[in-house]
Each structure stands twice: as structure tokens, then as C-alpha cells.
N, C-alpha and C. Protein backbone atom coordinates (compact mmCIF):
# COMPACT_ATOMS: atom_id res chain seq x y z
N MET A 1 -14.86 -29.49 2.10
CA MET A 1 -14.05 -29.80 0.94
C MET A 1 -14.84 -29.66 -0.35
N LEU A 2 -16.09 -30.14 -0.33
CA LEU A 2 -16.93 -30.05 -1.51
C LEU A 2 -17.20 -28.59 -1.88
N THR A 3 -17.39 -27.76 -0.86
CA THR A 3 -17.61 -26.33 -1.11
C THR A 3 -16.39 -25.72 -1.78
N GLN A 4 -15.21 -26.09 -1.34
CA GLN A 4 -13.99 -25.56 -1.94
C GLN A 4 -13.88 -25.95 -3.41
N VAL A 5 -14.23 -27.18 -3.71
CA VAL A 5 -14.20 -27.64 -5.10
C VAL A 5 -15.17 -26.83 -5.94
N TRP A 6 -16.36 -26.63 -5.43
CA TRP A 6 -17.36 -25.84 -6.17
C TRP A 6 -16.90 -24.40 -6.38
N ILE A 7 -16.31 -23.81 -5.37
CA ILE A 7 -15.83 -22.43 -5.50
C ILE A 7 -14.75 -22.35 -6.57
N VAL A 8 -13.83 -23.30 -6.60
CA VAL A 8 -12.78 -23.31 -7.62
C VAL A 8 -13.39 -23.50 -9.01
N ILE A 9 -14.35 -24.43 -9.12
CA ILE A 9 -14.99 -24.67 -10.42
C ILE A 9 -15.73 -23.44 -10.91
N ILE A 10 -16.50 -22.82 -10.04
CA ILE A 10 -17.27 -21.63 -10.43
C ILE A 10 -16.32 -20.48 -10.80
N SER A 11 -15.28 -20.28 -10.01
CA SER A 11 -14.31 -19.22 -10.30
C SER A 11 -13.61 -19.47 -11.63
N ALA A 12 -13.23 -20.72 -11.88
CA ALA A 12 -12.58 -21.06 -13.15
C ALA A 12 -13.53 -20.82 -14.32
N CYS A 13 -14.79 -21.17 -14.15
CA CYS A 13 -15.78 -20.94 -15.22
C CYS A 13 -15.95 -19.44 -15.50
N ILE A 14 -15.96 -18.65 -14.46
CA ILE A 14 -16.09 -17.20 -14.65
C ILE A 14 -14.85 -16.65 -15.36
N ILE A 15 -13.67 -17.11 -14.97
CA ILE A 15 -12.44 -16.65 -15.63
C ILE A 15 -12.45 -17.05 -17.10
N ILE A 16 -12.85 -18.28 -17.40
CA ILE A 16 -12.94 -18.73 -18.79
C ILE A 16 -13.97 -17.89 -19.55
N TYR A 17 -15.08 -17.61 -18.91
CA TYR A 17 -16.12 -16.76 -19.53
C TYR A 17 -15.57 -15.37 -19.86
N LEU A 18 -14.82 -14.78 -18.93
CA LEU A 18 -14.22 -13.47 -19.17
C LEU A 18 -13.23 -13.52 -20.33
N PHE A 19 -12.39 -14.56 -20.36
CA PHE A 19 -11.45 -14.71 -21.47
C PHE A 19 -12.19 -14.80 -22.80
N GLU A 20 -13.28 -15.55 -22.82
CA GLU A 20 -14.05 -15.70 -24.06
C GLU A 20 -14.65 -14.36 -24.49
N LYS A 21 -15.17 -13.59 -23.56
CA LYS A 21 -15.74 -12.28 -23.88
C LYS A 21 -14.67 -11.33 -24.40
N ILE A 22 -13.48 -11.39 -23.84
CA ILE A 22 -12.37 -10.55 -24.31
C ILE A 22 -11.95 -10.99 -25.71
N ARG A 23 -11.85 -12.31 -25.90
CA ARG A 23 -11.44 -12.84 -27.20
C ARG A 23 -12.41 -12.44 -28.30
N SER A 24 -13.68 -12.45 -27.99
CA SER A 24 -14.69 -12.06 -28.99
C SER A 24 -14.91 -10.55 -29.02
N GLN A 25 -14.08 -9.82 -28.28
CA GLN A 25 -14.09 -8.35 -28.24
C GLN A 25 -15.44 -7.79 -27.78
N LYS A 26 -16.08 -8.48 -26.86
CA LYS A 26 -17.33 -7.99 -26.28
C LYS A 26 -17.10 -7.40 -24.89
N TYR A 27 -15.87 -7.51 -24.41
CA TYR A 27 -15.54 -7.00 -23.09
C TYR A 27 -14.10 -6.51 -23.12
N SER A 28 -13.84 -5.40 -22.49
CA SER A 28 -12.52 -4.78 -22.50
C SER A 28 -11.60 -5.43 -21.48
N VAL A 29 -10.33 -5.56 -21.85
CA VAL A 29 -9.33 -6.09 -20.93
C VAL A 29 -9.24 -5.20 -19.70
N LYS A 30 -9.32 -3.91 -19.92
CA LYS A 30 -9.22 -2.93 -18.84
C LYS A 30 -10.27 -3.18 -17.76
N PHE A 31 -11.49 -3.49 -18.16
CA PHE A 31 -12.56 -3.70 -17.20
C PHE A 31 -12.54 -5.10 -16.60
N SER A 32 -11.92 -6.03 -17.28
CA SER A 32 -11.93 -7.40 -16.79
C SER A 32 -10.80 -7.70 -15.80
N MET A 33 -9.73 -6.91 -15.84
CA MET A 33 -8.58 -7.19 -14.97
C MET A 33 -8.93 -7.23 -13.48
N PRO A 34 -9.71 -6.29 -12.97
CA PRO A 34 -10.05 -6.39 -11.54
C PRO A 34 -10.80 -7.68 -11.20
N TRP A 35 -11.65 -8.12 -12.12
CA TRP A 35 -12.40 -9.35 -11.87
C TRP A 35 -11.48 -10.56 -11.96
N PHE A 36 -10.52 -10.56 -12.88
CA PHE A 36 -9.55 -11.64 -12.94
C PHE A 36 -8.78 -11.74 -11.62
N PHE A 37 -8.29 -10.61 -11.15
CA PHE A 37 -7.55 -10.61 -9.90
C PHE A 37 -8.43 -11.06 -8.72
N SER A 38 -9.69 -10.65 -8.75
CA SER A 38 -10.61 -11.03 -7.67
C SER A 38 -10.80 -12.54 -7.64
N PHE A 39 -11.10 -13.13 -8.79
CA PHE A 39 -11.34 -14.56 -8.81
C PHE A 39 -10.05 -15.36 -8.61
N LEU A 40 -8.94 -14.83 -9.06
CA LEU A 40 -7.66 -15.47 -8.79
C LEU A 40 -7.37 -15.47 -7.29
N THR A 41 -7.66 -14.37 -6.64
CA THR A 41 -7.50 -14.28 -5.18
C THR A 41 -8.40 -15.30 -4.49
N ILE A 42 -9.63 -15.41 -4.95
CA ILE A 42 -10.56 -16.37 -4.36
C ILE A 42 -10.02 -17.80 -4.50
N VAL A 43 -9.55 -18.13 -5.70
CA VAL A 43 -9.02 -19.48 -5.93
C VAL A 43 -7.82 -19.74 -5.03
N ILE A 44 -6.92 -18.77 -4.91
CA ILE A 44 -5.73 -18.94 -4.06
C ILE A 44 -6.14 -19.15 -2.60
N LEU A 45 -7.10 -18.35 -2.14
CA LEU A 45 -7.53 -18.48 -0.74
C LEU A 45 -8.27 -19.79 -0.49
N VAL A 46 -8.96 -20.31 -1.51
CA VAL A 46 -9.64 -21.59 -1.35
C VAL A 46 -8.64 -22.74 -1.34
N ILE A 47 -7.63 -22.65 -2.21
CA ILE A 47 -6.63 -23.71 -2.28
C ILE A 47 -5.74 -23.71 -1.04
N PHE A 48 -5.44 -22.52 -0.53
CA PHE A 48 -4.59 -22.39 0.66
C PHE A 48 -5.37 -21.68 1.77
N PRO A 49 -6.29 -22.38 2.42
CA PRO A 49 -7.14 -21.74 3.43
C PRO A 49 -6.38 -21.22 4.65
N GLU A 50 -5.17 -21.73 4.88
CA GLU A 50 -4.38 -21.23 6.01
C GLU A 50 -3.98 -19.77 5.82
N LEU A 51 -3.97 -19.30 4.56
CA LEU A 51 -3.67 -17.89 4.29
C LEU A 51 -4.72 -16.99 4.94
N ILE A 52 -5.97 -17.45 4.94
CA ILE A 52 -7.03 -16.66 5.55
C ILE A 52 -6.77 -16.51 7.04
N ASN A 53 -6.33 -17.60 7.68
CA ASN A 53 -6.00 -17.52 9.12
C ASN A 53 -4.85 -16.55 9.35
N ASP A 54 -3.83 -16.60 8.49
CA ASP A 54 -2.70 -15.68 8.63
C ASP A 54 -3.14 -14.23 8.44
N ILE A 55 -3.97 -14.00 7.43
CA ILE A 55 -4.47 -12.64 7.19
C ILE A 55 -5.29 -12.16 8.38
N ALA A 56 -6.12 -13.05 8.92
CA ALA A 56 -6.94 -12.68 10.08
C ALA A 56 -6.05 -12.31 11.27
N LYS A 57 -5.00 -13.07 11.50
CA LYS A 57 -4.08 -12.77 12.61
C LYS A 57 -3.39 -11.42 12.39
N ILE A 58 -2.93 -11.19 11.16
CA ILE A 58 -2.24 -9.92 10.86
C ILE A 58 -3.17 -8.74 11.07
N LEU A 59 -4.44 -8.89 10.68
CA LEU A 59 -5.41 -7.80 10.82
C LEU A 59 -6.01 -7.72 12.22
N GLY A 60 -5.72 -8.70 13.05
CA GLY A 60 -6.26 -8.70 14.41
C GLY A 60 -7.72 -9.13 14.45
N ILE A 61 -8.13 -9.93 13.49
CA ILE A 61 -9.51 -10.43 13.44
C ILE A 61 -9.52 -11.82 14.05
N LYS A 62 -10.43 -12.04 15.02
CA LYS A 62 -10.43 -13.31 15.75
C LYS A 62 -11.11 -14.43 14.97
N GLU A 63 -12.18 -14.11 14.29
CA GLU A 63 -12.93 -15.13 13.55
C GLU A 63 -12.51 -15.17 12.09
N THR A 64 -12.26 -16.35 11.58
CA THR A 64 -11.86 -16.51 10.18
C THR A 64 -12.95 -16.05 9.23
N THR A 65 -14.20 -16.33 9.59
CA THR A 65 -15.31 -15.91 8.71
C THR A 65 -15.37 -14.39 8.58
N ASN A 66 -15.06 -13.69 9.65
CA ASN A 66 -15.03 -12.23 9.57
C ASN A 66 -13.90 -11.76 8.65
N ALA A 67 -12.78 -12.48 8.66
CA ALA A 67 -11.68 -12.14 7.75
C ALA A 67 -12.11 -12.38 6.30
N ILE A 68 -12.85 -13.46 6.07
CA ILE A 68 -13.35 -13.73 4.71
C ILE A 68 -14.26 -12.60 4.26
N PHE A 69 -15.17 -12.18 5.13
CA PHE A 69 -16.06 -11.07 4.78
C PHE A 69 -15.27 -9.79 4.51
N PHE A 70 -14.27 -9.53 5.34
CA PHE A 70 -13.44 -8.34 5.17
C PHE A 70 -12.71 -8.37 3.84
N ILE A 71 -12.10 -9.51 3.50
CA ILE A 71 -11.39 -9.65 2.22
C ILE A 71 -12.35 -9.45 1.06
N THR A 72 -13.53 -10.06 1.17
CA THR A 72 -14.53 -9.93 0.11
C THR A 72 -14.96 -8.48 -0.08
N ILE A 73 -15.20 -7.80 1.03
CA ILE A 73 -15.61 -6.40 0.94
C ILE A 73 -14.49 -5.55 0.32
N CYS A 74 -13.25 -5.81 0.70
CA CYS A 74 -12.13 -5.07 0.12
C CYS A 74 -12.03 -5.29 -1.38
N ILE A 75 -12.20 -6.52 -1.82
CA ILE A 75 -12.15 -6.83 -3.25
C ILE A 75 -13.26 -6.10 -3.99
N LEU A 76 -14.47 -6.16 -3.45
CA LEU A 76 -15.60 -5.51 -4.13
C LEU A 76 -15.45 -3.99 -4.14
N VAL A 77 -14.98 -3.42 -3.05
CA VAL A 77 -14.79 -1.97 -3.01
C VAL A 77 -13.73 -1.55 -4.03
N SER A 78 -12.65 -2.32 -4.14
CA SER A 78 -11.62 -1.95 -5.12
C SER A 78 -12.16 -2.05 -6.54
N ASN A 79 -13.00 -3.05 -6.81
CA ASN A 79 -13.61 -3.16 -8.14
C ASN A 79 -14.57 -2.00 -8.41
N ILE A 80 -15.33 -1.60 -7.42
CA ILE A 80 -16.25 -0.48 -7.59
C ILE A 80 -15.48 0.82 -7.84
N ILE A 81 -14.41 1.03 -7.10
CA ILE A 81 -13.58 2.22 -7.30
C ILE A 81 -12.99 2.24 -8.71
N ASN A 82 -12.49 1.10 -9.16
CA ASN A 82 -11.93 0.99 -10.50
C ASN A 82 -13.00 1.32 -11.56
N LEU A 83 -14.19 0.78 -11.40
CA LEU A 83 -15.26 1.07 -12.35
C LEU A 83 -15.68 2.54 -12.31
N SER A 84 -15.65 3.14 -11.13
CA SER A 84 -15.99 4.56 -11.00
C SER A 84 -14.97 5.43 -11.75
N PHE A 85 -13.69 5.10 -11.60
CA PHE A 85 -12.67 5.83 -12.33
C PHE A 85 -12.86 5.69 -13.83
N SER A 86 -13.17 4.49 -14.27
CA SER A 86 -13.38 4.24 -15.70
C SER A 86 -14.58 5.01 -16.22
N MET A 87 -15.65 5.04 -15.44
CA MET A 87 -16.84 5.79 -15.85
C MET A 87 -16.54 7.28 -15.91
N SER A 88 -15.78 7.78 -14.97
CA SER A 88 -15.41 9.18 -14.96
C SER A 88 -14.58 9.53 -16.20
N GLU A 89 -13.64 8.65 -16.53
CA GLU A 89 -12.81 8.86 -17.71
C GLU A 89 -13.65 8.84 -18.99
N ALA A 90 -14.59 7.90 -19.06
CA ALA A 90 -15.46 7.80 -20.23
C ALA A 90 -16.34 9.04 -20.36
N LYS A 91 -16.80 9.57 -19.24
CA LYS A 91 -17.62 10.78 -19.27
C LYS A 91 -16.81 11.96 -19.79
N LYS A 92 -15.58 12.10 -19.32
CA LYS A 92 -14.72 13.18 -19.80
C LYS A 92 -14.48 13.06 -21.30
N GLN A 93 -14.25 11.84 -21.78
CA GLN A 93 -14.02 11.63 -23.20
C GLN A 93 -15.26 11.96 -24.02
N SER A 94 -16.43 11.58 -23.53
CA SER A 94 -17.65 11.87 -24.28
C SER A 94 -17.93 13.38 -24.32
N ILE A 95 -17.66 14.08 -23.22
CA ILE A 95 -17.84 15.54 -23.21
C ILE A 95 -16.89 16.18 -24.21
N ARG A 96 -15.65 15.71 -24.22
CA ARG A 96 -14.67 16.25 -25.18
C ARG A 96 -15.09 15.99 -26.62
N MET A 97 -15.60 14.80 -26.89
CA MET A 97 -16.05 14.48 -28.25
C MET A 97 -17.23 15.35 -28.67
N VAL A 98 -18.15 15.59 -27.76
CA VAL A 98 -19.29 16.45 -28.06
C VAL A 98 -18.82 17.86 -28.37
N GLN A 99 -17.85 18.35 -27.60
CA GLN A 99 -17.32 19.68 -27.84
C GLN A 99 -16.62 19.75 -29.20
N GLU A 100 -15.84 18.72 -29.53
CA GLU A 100 -15.15 18.71 -30.82
C GLU A 100 -16.15 18.63 -31.98
N ILE A 101 -17.20 17.85 -31.82
CA ILE A 101 -18.23 17.75 -32.86
C ILE A 101 -18.91 19.10 -33.05
N ALA A 102 -19.20 19.77 -31.94
CA ALA A 102 -19.84 21.09 -32.04
C ALA A 102 -18.92 22.07 -32.76
N LEU A 103 -17.63 22.03 -32.46
CA LEU A 103 -16.68 22.92 -33.13
C LEU A 103 -16.60 22.60 -34.63
N LEU A 104 -16.58 21.33 -34.97
CA LEU A 104 -16.53 20.93 -36.38
C LEU A 104 -17.80 21.35 -37.12
N LYS A 105 -18.96 21.19 -36.48
CA LYS A 105 -20.22 21.63 -37.10
C LYS A 105 -20.20 23.13 -37.33
N ASN A 106 -19.70 23.85 -36.35
CA ASN A 106 -19.62 25.30 -36.48
C ASN A 106 -18.68 25.69 -37.63
N GLU A 107 -17.55 25.01 -37.74
CA GLU A 107 -16.59 25.28 -38.81
C GLU A 107 -17.20 24.95 -40.17
N ILE A 108 -17.91 23.84 -40.27
CA ILE A 108 -18.57 23.46 -41.52
C ILE A 108 -19.63 24.49 -41.89
N SER A 109 -20.38 24.94 -40.90
CA SER A 109 -21.42 25.95 -41.15
C SER A 109 -20.80 27.25 -41.64
N ASN A 110 -19.70 27.65 -41.01
CA ASN A 110 -19.01 28.88 -41.43
C ASN A 110 -18.48 28.74 -42.86
N ASN A 111 -17.92 27.59 -43.18
CA ASN A 111 -17.40 27.37 -44.54
C ASN A 111 -18.54 27.38 -45.56
N ASN A 112 -19.67 26.79 -45.21
CA ASN A 112 -20.83 26.80 -46.12
C ASN A 112 -21.34 28.22 -46.33
N ASN A 113 -21.35 29.01 -45.26
CA ASN A 113 -21.79 30.40 -45.38
C ASN A 113 -20.85 31.21 -46.28
N LYS A 114 -19.53 30.96 -46.16
CA LYS A 114 -18.56 31.65 -47.02
C LYS A 114 -18.76 31.27 -48.47
N ILE A 115 -18.99 30.00 -48.73
CA ILE A 115 -19.19 29.52 -50.09
C ILE A 115 -20.46 30.13 -50.69
N GLU A 116 -21.53 30.17 -49.91
CA GLU A 116 -22.79 30.75 -50.39
C GLU A 116 -22.65 32.24 -50.61
N GLY A 117 -21.84 32.93 -49.79
CA GLY A 117 -21.63 34.36 -49.93
C GLY A 117 -20.81 34.70 -51.19
N GLU A 118 -19.94 33.78 -51.59
CA GLU A 118 -19.13 34.02 -52.78
C GLU A 118 -19.93 33.84 -54.06
N GLN A 119 -20.99 33.07 -53.99
CA GLN A 119 -21.77 32.83 -55.20
C GLN A 119 -22.70 33.95 -55.40
């Protein structure tokens, strides 16, 4: 019981911390959502531990602890996949920005050359 209380307290503190980082605009809502859902899932499973037994039965897992490990691994893998997609998107955007900057520099250089040629 004491462990459950600590897990809820720690999860609540992390959720509050994430809200504070979003409020101060130091962390993006997009990146925090998977973590919110993860900790919300943890709190729900701690408050209703019989859900873990039901999930274990549905998945055909005999030991509850193995179901907990499986759920945890699934949550972490989904968060990693989400972060990978975000990193890929950010990389595409940065490549596009570099290309646009190069085109703008080239256009500025061409305009400067035309101006110098007219003088």
C-alpha cells in the first residue's frame, strides 16, 4: 500500500512538473503528451490494481509482475517511437530551412552583382 502511495505521489509530481515546464514555455505540449499519458496510465493502474490482473489474463500472461513489465515496455517503446518521429520531422524542417537560406543567399548575391554591374 505504501508503495502505491509513493508511486501516485511521484507520478503526480512529474505531471505537475511537466505542466510547469509547458506553462513557462520550456517544454512543448507535443513532446509532453506521451509522458502525460504514460504517468496517467501508471496512476490508473496503481489505483485499480485489478486492471493489471485483467490485462494479464487477456494477454495470456500468468504472472502479474510480467504483465507490469510488459505494460511498462509498451509505454516506453511508444514514447521512443513518438520521439523518433518528432526528431525525423525536425530534421526534415532543418534541412528545408538550410536549403531556403542557401537559395535566399544566392538570390541576394545575384541582386548585389546586378547592382554592382549597373554602376
